[in-house]
Amino acid sequence: VSDGVILGYGLSTVTAEVVSSTDNELRLKWQVEGG
């Protein structure tokens, strides 16, 4: 995943985890580490 928050944290992308994936929806989660 990449977005303005991730770029604002000085990163280009972060890895996301697929929580579930069906024909009807895709659910993801990810964390942007601060510091």
PDB file of all heavy atoms in Angstrom:
ATOM      1  N   VAL A   1       0.855  -1.186   0.000  1.00  0.00           N
ATOM      2  CA  VAL A   1       0.000   0.000   0.000  1.00  0.00           C
ATOM      3  C   VAL A   1       0.890   1.235   0.000  1.00  0.00           C
ATOM      4  O   VAL A   1       1.947   1.250   0.630  1.00  0.00           O
ATOM      5  CB  VAL A   1      -0.900   0.016   1.262  1.00  0.00           C
ATOM      6  CG1 VAL A   1      -1.763   1.273   1.303  1.00  0.00           C
ATOM      7  CG2 VAL A   1      -1.757  -1.232   1.341  1.00  0.00           C
ATOM      8  N   SER A   2       0.445   2.275  -0.700  1.00  0.00           N
ATOM      9  CA  SER A   2       1.100   3.577  -0.634  1.00  0.00           C
ATOM     10  C   SER A   2       0.022   4.657  -0.643  1.00  0.00           C
ATOM     11  O   SER A   2      -0.991   4.525  -1.323  1.00  0.00           O
ATOM     12  CB  SER A   2       2.047   3.773  -1.820  1.00  0.00           C
ATOM     13  OG  SER A   2       2.748   4.995  -1.670  1.00  0.00           O
ATOM     14  N   ASP A   3       0.241   5.685   0.151  1.00  0.00           N
ATOM     15  CA  ASP A   3      -0.662   6.842   0.173  1.00  0.00           C
ATOM     16  C   ASP A   3       0.081   8.026   0.771  1.00  0.00           C
ATOM     17  O   ASP A   3       1.265   7.933   1.087  1.00  0.00           O
ATOM     18  CB  ASP A   3      -1.962   6.528   0.926  1.00  0.00           C
ATOM     19  CG  ASP A   3      -1.781   6.305   2.423  1.00  0.00           C
ATOM     20  OD1 ASP A   3      -0.643   6.425   2.938  1.00  0.00           O
ATOM     21  OD2 ASP A   3      -2.775   6.008   3.095  1.00  0.00           O
ATOM     22  N   GLY A   4      -0.609   9.135   0.909  1.00  0.00           N
ATOM     23  CA  GLY A   4       0.012  10.337   1.445  1.00  0.00           C
ATOM     24  C   GLY A   4       0.501  10.200   2.867  1.00  0.00           C
ATOM     25  O   GLY A   4       1.497  10.816   3.248  1.00  0.00           O
ATOM     26  N   VAL A   5      -0.178   9.400   3.671  1.00  0.00           N
ATOM     27  CA  VAL A   5       0.260   9.195   5.052  1.00  0.00           C
ATOM     28  C   VAL A   5       1.588   8.444   5.055  1.00  0.00           C
ATOM     29  O   VAL A   5       2.543   8.839   5.730  1.00  0.00           O
ATOM     30  CB  VAL A   5      -0.802   8.418   5.871  1.00  0.00           C
ATOM     31  CG1 VAL A   5      -0.288   8.120   7.274  1.00  0.00           C
ATOM     32  CG2 VAL A   5      -2.107   9.192   5.932  1.00  0.00           C
ATOM     33  N   ILE A   6       1.656   7.369   4.294  1.00  0.00           N
ATOM     34  CA  ILE A   6       2.877   6.565   4.233  1.00  0.00           C
ATOM     35  C   ILE A   6       4.035   7.407   3.707  1.00  0.00           C
ATOM     36  O   ILE A   6       5.139   7.382   4.262  1.00  0.00           O
ATOM     37  CB  ILE A   6       2.634   5.311   3.362  1.00  0.00           C
ATOM     38  CG1 ILE A   6       1.617   4.394   4.055  1.00  0.00           C
ATOM     39  CG2 ILE A   6       3.936   4.576   3.079  1.00  0.00           C
ATOM     40  CD1 ILE A   6       1.030   3.309   3.176  1.00  0.00           C
ATOM     41  N   LEU A   7       3.781   8.176   2.655  1.00  0.00           N
ATOM     42  CA  LEU A   7       4.822   9.055   2.115  1.00  0.00           C
ATOM     43  C   LEU A   7       5.210  10.132   3.126  1.00  0.00           C
ATOM     44  O   LEU A   7       6.382  10.486   3.242  1.00  0.00           O
ATOM     45  CB  LEU A   7       4.350   9.687   0.808  1.00  0.00           C
ATOM     46  CG  LEU A   7       4.114   8.704  -0.339  1.00  0.00           C
ATOM     47  CD1 LEU A   7       3.431   9.407  -1.506  1.00  0.00           C
ATOM     48  CD2 LEU A   7       5.391   8.028  -0.774  1.00  0.00           C
ATOM     49  N   GLY A   8       4.222  10.636   3.872  1.00  0.00           N
ATOM     50  CA  GLY A   8       4.489  11.631   4.901  1.00  0.00           C
ATOM     51  C   GLY A   8       5.336  11.096   6.039  1.00  0.00           C
ATOM     52  O   GLY A   8       6.032  11.846   6.724  1.00  0.00           O
ATOM     53  N   TYR A   9       5.299   9.791   6.239  1.00  0.00           N
ATOM     54  CA  TYR A   9       6.126   9.141   7.257  1.00  0.00           C
ATOM     55  C   TYR A   9       7.529   8.844   6.722  1.00  0.00           C
ATOM     56  O   TYR A   9       8.344   8.241   7.404  1.00  0.00           O
ATOM     57  CB  TYR A   9       5.465   7.842   7.720  1.00  0.00           C
ATOM     58  CG  TYR A   9       4.492   8.005   8.865  1.00  0.00           C
ATOM     59  CD1 TYR A   9       3.434   8.907   8.804  1.00  0.00           C
ATOM     60  CD2 TYR A   9       4.614   7.233  10.007  1.00  0.00           C
ATOM     61  CE1 TYR A   9       2.543   9.043   9.842  1.00  0.00           C
ATOM     62  CE2 TYR A   9       3.717   7.359  11.064  1.00  0.00           C
ATOM     63  CZ  TYR A   9       2.691   8.268  10.974  1.00  0.00           C
ATOM     64  OH  TYR A   9       1.810   8.405  12.012  1.00  0.00           O
ATOM     65  N   GLY A  10       7.802   9.228   5.474  1.00  0.00           N
ATOM     66  CA  GLY A  10       9.116   9.020   4.907  1.00  0.00           C
ATOM     67  C   GLY A  10       9.311   7.642   4.292  1.00  0.00           C
ATOM     68  O   GLY A  10      10.435   7.230   4.017  1.00  0.00           O
ATOM     69  N   LEU A  11       8.232   6.920   4.054  1.00  0.00           N
ATOM     70  CA  LEU A  11       8.278   5.593   3.448  1.00  0.00           C
ATOM     71  C   LEU A  11       7.686   5.685   2.048  1.00  0.00           C
ATOM     72  O   LEU A  11       6.998   6.647   1.720  1.00  0.00           O
ATOM     73  CB  LEU A  11       7.466   4.606   4.289  1.00  0.00           C
ATOM     74  CG  LEU A  11       7.831   4.525   5.780  1.00  0.00           C
ATOM     75  CD1 LEU A  11       6.791   3.732   6.541  1.00  0.00           C
ATOM     76  CD2 LEU A  11       9.212   3.916   5.938  1.00  0.00           C
ATOM     77  N   SER A  12       7.918   4.683   1.217  1.00  0.00           N
ATOM     78  CA  SER A  12       7.258   4.668  -0.088  1.00  0.00           C
ATOM     79  C   SER A  12       6.067   3.717  -0.089  1.00  0.00           C
ATOM     80  O   SER A  12       5.019   4.034  -0.642  1.00  0.00           O
ATOM     81  CB  SER A  12       8.242   4.304  -1.203  1.00  0.00           C
ATOM     82  OG  SER A  12       8.819   3.045  -0.963  1.00  0.00           O
ATOM     83  N   THR A  13       6.228   2.549   0.522  1.00  0.00           N
ATOM     84  CA  THR A  13       5.137   1.582   0.624  1.00  0.00           C
ATOM     85  C   THR A  13       5.229   0.862   1.963  1.00  0.00           C
ATOM     86  O   THR A  13       6.270   0.892   2.624  1.00  0.00           O
ATOM     87  CB  THR A  13       5.200   0.505  -0.487  1.00  0.00           C
ATOM     88  OG1 THR A  13       6.412  -0.231  -0.351  1.00  0.00           O
ATOM     89  CG2 THR A  13       5.111   1.112  -1.875  1.00  0.00           C
ATOM     90  N   VAL A  14       4.132   0.231   2.359  1.00  0.00           N
ATOM     91  CA  VAL A  14       4.124  -0.699   3.494  1.00  0.00           C
ATOM     92  C   VAL A  14       3.436  -1.973   3.033  1.00  0.00           C
ATOM     93  O   VAL A  14       2.629  -1.964   2.104  1.00  0.00           O
ATOM     94  CB  VAL A  14       3.415  -0.128   4.745  1.00  0.00           C
ATOM     95  CG1 VAL A  14       4.143   1.082   5.293  1.00  0.00           C
ATOM     96  CG2 VAL A  14       1.967   0.186   4.478  1.00  0.00           C
ATOM     97  N   THR A  15       3.763  -3.063   3.698  1.00  0.00           N
ATOM     98  CA  THR A  15       3.146  -4.341   3.395  1.00  0.00           C
ATOM     99  C   THR A  15       1.823  -4.445   4.137  1.00  0.00           C
ATOM    100  O   THR A  15       1.730  -4.081   5.311  1.00  0.00           O
ATOM    101  CB  THR A  15       4.075  -5.498   3.829  1.00  0.00           C
ATOM    102  OG1 THR A  15       5.309  -5.354   3.131  1.00  0.00           O
ATOM    103  CG2 THR A  15       3.477  -6.844   3.501  1.00  0.00           C
ATOM    104  N   ALA A  16       0.814  -4.928   3.448  1.00  0.00           N
ATOM    105  CA  ALA A  16      -0.500  -5.136   4.062  1.00  0.00           C
ATOM    106  C   ALA A  16      -0.761  -6.638   4.171  1.00  0.00           C
ATOM    107  O   ALA A  16      -0.156  -7.440   3.461  1.00  0.00           O
ATOM    108  CB  ALA A  16      -1.593  -4.477   3.224  1.00  0.00           C
ATOM    109  N   GLU A  17      -1.665  -6.980   5.055  1.00  0.00           N
ATOM    110  CA  GLU A  17      -2.080  -8.374   5.244  1.00  0.00           C
ATOM    111  C   GLU A  17      -3.498  -8.538   4.723  1.00  0.00           C
ATOM    112  O   GLU A  17      -4.372  -7.707   4.997  1.00  0.00           O
ATOM    113  CB  GLU A  17      -2.036  -8.717   6.726  1.00  0.00           C
ATOM    114  CG  GLU A  17      -2.492 -10.100   7.061  1.00  0.00           C
ATOM    115  CD  GLU A  17      -2.524 -10.350   8.560  1.00  0.00           C
ATOM    116  OE1 GLU A  17      -1.764  -9.713   9.304  1.00  0.00           O
ATOM    117  OE2 GLU A  17      -3.352 -11.186   8.983  1.00  0.00           O
ATOM    118  N   VAL A  18      -3.734  -9.598   3.977  1.00  0.00           N
ATOM    119  CA  VAL A  18      -5.089  -9.902   3.522  1.00  0.00           C
ATOM    120  C   VAL A  18      -5.829 -10.563   4.692  1.00  0.00           C
ATOM    121  O   VAL A  18      -5.425 -11.617   5.172  1.00  0.00           O
ATOM    122  CB  VAL A  18      -5.081 -10.848   2.297  1.00  0.00           C
ATOM    123  CG1 VAL A  18      -6.498 -11.241   1.916  1.00  0.00           C
ATOM    124  CG2 VAL A  18      -4.378 -10.188   1.124  1.00  0.00           C
ATOM    125  N   VAL A  19      -6.887  -9.914   5.157  1.00  0.00           N
ATOM    126  CA  VAL A  19      -7.708 -10.463   6.232  1.00  0.00           C
ATOM    127  C   VAL A  19      -8.683 -11.472   5.651  1.00  0.00           C
ATOM    128  O   VAL A  19      -8.870 -12.554   6.195  1.00  0.00           O
ATOM    129  CB  VAL A  19      -8.444  -9.334   6.988  1.00  0.00           C
ATOM    130  CG1 VAL A  19      -9.386  -9.901   8.035  1.00  0.00           C
ATOM    131  CG2 VAL A  19      -7.436  -8.377   7.604  1.00  0.00           C
ATOM    132  N   SER A  20      -9.304 -11.114   4.522  1.00  0.00           N
ATOM    133  CA  SER A  20     -10.187 -12.039   3.804  1.00  0.00           C
ATOM    134  C   SER A  20     -10.306 -11.586   2.356  1.00  0.00           C
ATOM    135  O   SER A  20     -10.170 -10.412   2.044  1.00  0.00           O
ATOM    136  CB  SER A  20     -11.570 -12.117   4.455  1.00  0.00           C
ATOM    137  OG  SER A  20     -12.253 -10.897   4.310  1.00  0.00           O
ATOM    138  N   SER A  21     -10.548 -12.561   1.494  1.00  0.00           N
ATOM    139  CA  SER A  21     -10.708 -12.270   0.075  1.00  0.00           C
ATOM    140  C   SER A  21     -11.760 -13.219  -0.484  1.00  0.00           C
ATOM    141  O   SER A  21     -11.582 -14.432  -0.464  1.00  0.00           O
ATOM    142  CB  SER A  21      -9.376 -12.461  -0.657  1.00  0.00           C
ATOM    143  OG  SER A  21      -9.535 -12.188  -2.026  1.00  0.00           O
ATOM    144  N   THR A  22     -12.869 -12.627  -0.940  1.00  0.00           N
ATOM    145  CA  THR A  22     -13.947 -13.402  -1.544  1.00  0.00           C
ATOM    146  C   THR A  22     -14.309 -12.761  -2.879  1.00  0.00           C
ATOM    147  O   THR A  22     -13.741 -11.734  -3.253  1.00  0.00           O
ATOM    148  CB  THR A  22     -15.199 -13.427  -0.640  1.00  0.00           C
ATOM    149  OG1 THR A  22     -15.744 -12.094  -0.578  1.00  0.00           O
ATOM    150  CG2 THR A  22     -14.875 -13.911   0.771  1.00  0.00           C
ATOM    151  N   ASP A  23     -15.272 -13.350  -3.568  1.00  0.00           N
ATOM    152  CA  ASP A  23     -15.752 -12.749  -4.818  1.00  0.00           C
ATOM    153  C   ASP A  23     -16.417 -11.403  -4.565  1.00  0.00           C
ATOM    154  O   ASP A  23     -16.490 -10.561  -5.455  1.00  0.00           O
ATOM    155  CB  ASP A  23     -16.740 -13.677  -5.518  1.00  0.00           C
ATOM    156  CG  ASP A  23     -16.057 -14.919  -6.080  1.00  0.00           C
ATOM    157  OD1 ASP A  23     -14.816 -14.902  -6.247  1.00  0.00           O
ATOM    158  OD2 ASP A  23     -16.765 -15.899  -6.348  1.00  0.00           O
ATOM    159  N   ASN A  24     -16.920 -11.180  -3.323  1.00  0.00           N
ATOM    160  CA  ASN A  24     -17.666  -9.969  -2.997  1.00  0.00           C
ATOM    161  C   ASN A  24     -16.839  -8.852  -2.381  1.00  0.00           C
ATOM    162  O   ASN A  24     -17.220  -7.689  -2.454  1.00  0.00           O
ATOM    163  CB  ASN A  24     -18.820 -10.294  -2.060  1.00  0.00           C
ATOM    164  CG  ASN A  24     -19.829 -11.212  -2.707  1.00  0.00           C
ATOM    165  OD1 ASN A  24     -20.088 -11.100  -3.898  1.00  0.00           O
ATOM    166  ND2 ASN A  24     -20.375 -12.132  -1.936  1.00  0.00           N
ATOM    167  N   GLU A  25     -15.714  -9.205  -1.731  1.00  0.00           N
ATOM    168  CA  GLU A  25     -14.933  -8.157  -1.091  1.00  0.00           C
ATOM    169  C   GLU A  25     -13.509  -8.619  -0.779  1.00  0.00           C
ATOM    170  O   GLU A  25     -13.229  -9.816  -0.679  1.00  0.00           O
ATOM    171  CB  GLU A  25     -15.592  -7.650   0.182  1.00  0.00           C
ATOM    172  CG  GLU A  25     -15.551  -8.609   1.342  1.00  0.00           C
ATOM    173  CD  GLU A  25     -16.183  -8.043   2.606  1.00  0.00           C
ATOM    174  OE1 GLU A  25     -16.887  -7.031   2.548  1.00  0.00           O
ATOM    175  OE2 GLU A  25     -15.956  -8.644   3.654  1.00  0.00           O
ATOM    176  N   LEU A  26     -12.648  -7.615  -0.627  1.00  0.00           N
ATOM    177  CA  LEU A  26     -11.276  -7.811  -0.201  1.00  0.00           C
ATOM    178  C   LEU A  26     -11.088  -6.990   1.060  1.00  0.00           C
ATOM    179  O   LEU A  26     -11.390  -5.796   1.063  1.00  0.00           O
ATOM    180  CB  LEU A  26     -10.310  -7.351  -1.303  1.00  0.00           C
ATOM    181  CG  LEU A  26      -8.829  -7.310  -0.952  1.00  0.00           C
ATOM    182  CD1 LEU A  26      -8.290  -8.714  -0.663  1.00  0.00           C
ATOM    183  CD2 LEU A  26      -8.039  -6.655  -2.082  1.00  0.00           C
ATOM    184  N   ARG A  27     -10.608  -7.623   2.134  1.00  0.00           N
ATOM    185  CA  ARG A  27     -10.336  -6.916   3.388  1.00  0.00           C
ATOM    186  C   ARG A  27      -8.845  -6.981   3.681  1.00  0.00           C
ATOM    187  O   ARG A  27      -8.248  -8.046   3.626  1.00  0.00           O
ATOM    188  CB  ARG A  27     -11.114  -7.515   4.550  1.00  0.00           C
ATOM    189  CG  ARG A  27     -12.596  -7.214   4.489  1.00  0.00           C
ATOM    190  CD  ARG A  27     -13.302  -7.805   5.711  1.00  0.00           C
ATOM    191  NE  ARG A  27     -14.701  -7.541   5.667  1.00  0.00           N
ATOM    192  CZ  ARG A  27     -15.310  -6.558   6.333  1.00  0.00           C
ATOM    193  NH1 ARG A  27     -14.603  -5.750   7.098  1.00  0.00           N
ATOM    194  NH2 ARG A  27     -16.599  -6.373   6.234  1.00  0.00           N
ATOM    195  N   LEU A  28      -8.278  -5.822   4.008  1.00  0.00           N
ATOM    196  CA  LEU A  28      -6.851  -5.698   4.275  1.00  0.00           C
ATOM    197  C   LEU A  28      -6.609  -4.973   5.588  1.00  0.00           C
ATOM    198  O   LEU A  28      -7.473  -4.226   6.056  1.00  0.00           O
ATOM    199  CB  LEU A  28      -6.170  -4.885   3.170  1.00  0.00           C
ATOM    200  CG  LEU A  28      -6.351  -5.325   1.732  1.00  0.00           C
ATOM    201  CD1 LEU A  28      -5.854  -4.242   0.790  1.00  0.00           C
ATOM    202  CD2 LEU A  28      -5.626  -6.628   1.502  1.00  0.00           C
ATOM    203  N   LYS A  29      -5.404  -5.178   6.145  1.00  0.00           N
ATOM    204  CA  LYS A  29      -4.975  -4.361   7.285  1.00  0.00           C
ATOM    205  C   LYS A  29      -3.482  -4.110   7.139  1.00  0.00           C
ATOM    206  O   LYS A  29      -2.753  -4.921   6.561  1.00  0.00           O
ATOM    207  CB  LYS A  29      -5.314  -5.018   8.617  1.00  0.00           C
ATOM    208  CG  LYS A  29      -4.539  -6.255   8.959  1.00  0.00           C
ATOM    209  CD  LYS A  29      -4.943  -6.767  10.336  1.00  0.00           C
ATOM    210  CE  LYS A  29      -4.167  -8.013  10.701  1.00  0.00           C
ATOM    211  NZ  LYS A  29      -4.497  -8.487  12.041  1.00  0.00           N
ATOM    212  N   TRP A  30      -3.044  -2.929   7.635  1.00  0.00           N
ATOM    213  CA  TRP A  30      -1.637  -2.577   7.607  1.00  0.00           C
ATOM    214  C   TRP A  30      -1.338  -1.582   8.709  1.00  0.00           C
ATOM    215  O   TRP A  30      -2.247  -0.997   9.292  1.00  0.00           O
ATOM    216  CB  TRP A  30      -1.211  -2.035   6.244  1.00  0.00           C
ATOM    217  CG  TRP A  30      -1.810  -0.722   5.823  1.00  0.00           C
ATOM    218  CD1 TRP A  30      -1.293   0.523   6.026  1.00  0.00           C
ATOM    219  CD2 TRP A  30      -3.044  -0.528   5.104  1.00  0.00           C
ATOM    220  NE1 TRP A  30      -2.126   1.474   5.484  1.00  0.00           N
ATOM    221  CE2 TRP A  30      -3.195   0.855   4.915  1.00  0.00           C
ATOM    222  CE3 TRP A  30      -4.018  -1.393   4.609  1.00  0.00           C
ATOM    223  CZ2 TRP A  30      -4.292   1.393   4.244  1.00  0.00           C
ATOM    224  CZ3 TRP A  30      -5.115  -0.852   3.945  1.00  0.00           C
ATOM    225  CH2 TRP A  30      -5.236   0.522   3.765  1.00  0.00           C
ATOM    226  N   GLN A  31      -0.063  -1.435   8.999  1.00  0.00           N
ATOM    227  CA  GLN A  31       0.371  -0.499  10.028  1.00  0.00           C
ATOM    228  C   GLN A  31       1.509   0.346   9.484  1.00  0.00           C
ATOM    229  O   GLN A  31       2.389  -0.156   8.791  1.00  0.00           O
ATOM    230  CB  GLN A  31       0.844  -1.238  11.276  1.00  0.00           C
ATOM    231  CG  GLN A  31       1.313  -0.289  12.374  1.00  0.00           C
ATOM    232  CD  GLN A  31       1.513  -0.968  13.695  1.00  0.00           C
ATOM    233  OE1 GLN A  31       0.731  -1.834  14.067  1.00  0.00           O
ATOM    234  NE2 GLN A  31       2.542  -0.584  14.417  1.00  0.00           N
ATOM    235  N   VAL A  32       1.460   1.624   9.813  1.00  0.00           N
ATOM    236  CA  VAL A  32       2.547   2.541   9.484  1.00  0.00           C
ATOM    237  C   VAL A  32       3.239   2.858  10.807  1.00  0.00           C
ATOM    238  O   VAL A  32       2.610   3.422  11.706  1.00  0.00           O
ATOM    239  CB  VAL A  32       2.026   3.837   8.818  1.00  0.00           C
ATOM    240  CG1 VAL A  32       3.180   4.721   8.396  1.00  0.00           C
ATOM    241  CG2 VAL A  32       1.128   3.513   7.632  1.00  0.00           C
ATOM    242  N   GLU A  33       4.492   2.464  10.910  1.00  0.00           N
ATOM    243  CA  GLU A  33       5.210   2.661  12.164  1.00  0.00           C
ATOM    244  C   GLU A  33       5.739   4.078  12.263  1.00  0.00           C
ATOM    245  O   GLU A  33       6.353   4.587  11.334  1.00  0.00           O
ATOM    246  CB  GLU A  33       6.349   1.651  12.285  1.00  0.00           C
ATOM    247  CG  GLU A  33       5.829   0.232  12.448  1.00  0.00           C
ATOM    248  CD  GLU A  33       6.939  -0.756  12.738  1.00  0.00           C
ATOM    249  OE1 GLU A  33       8.042  -0.348  13.131  1.00  0.00           O
ATOM    250  OE2 GLU A  33       6.676  -1.954  12.564  1.00  0.00           O
ATOM    251  N   GLY A  34       5.473   4.684  13.408  1.00  0.00           N
ATOM    252  CA  GLY A  34       5.923   6.042  13.662  1.00  0.00           C
ATOM    253  C   GLY A  34       7.303   6.046  14.292  1.00  0.00           C
ATOM    254  O   GLY A  34       8.078   5.114  14.122  1.00  0.00           O
ATOM    255  N   GLY A  35       7.575   7.091  15.026  1.00  0.00           N
ATOM    256  CA  GLY A  35       8.860   7.204  15.704  1.00  0.00           C
ATOM    257  C   GLY A  35       9.431   8.595  15.555  1.00  0.00           C
ATOM    258  O   GLY A  35       8.785   9.501  15.043  1.00  0.00           O
TER     259      GLY A  35
END
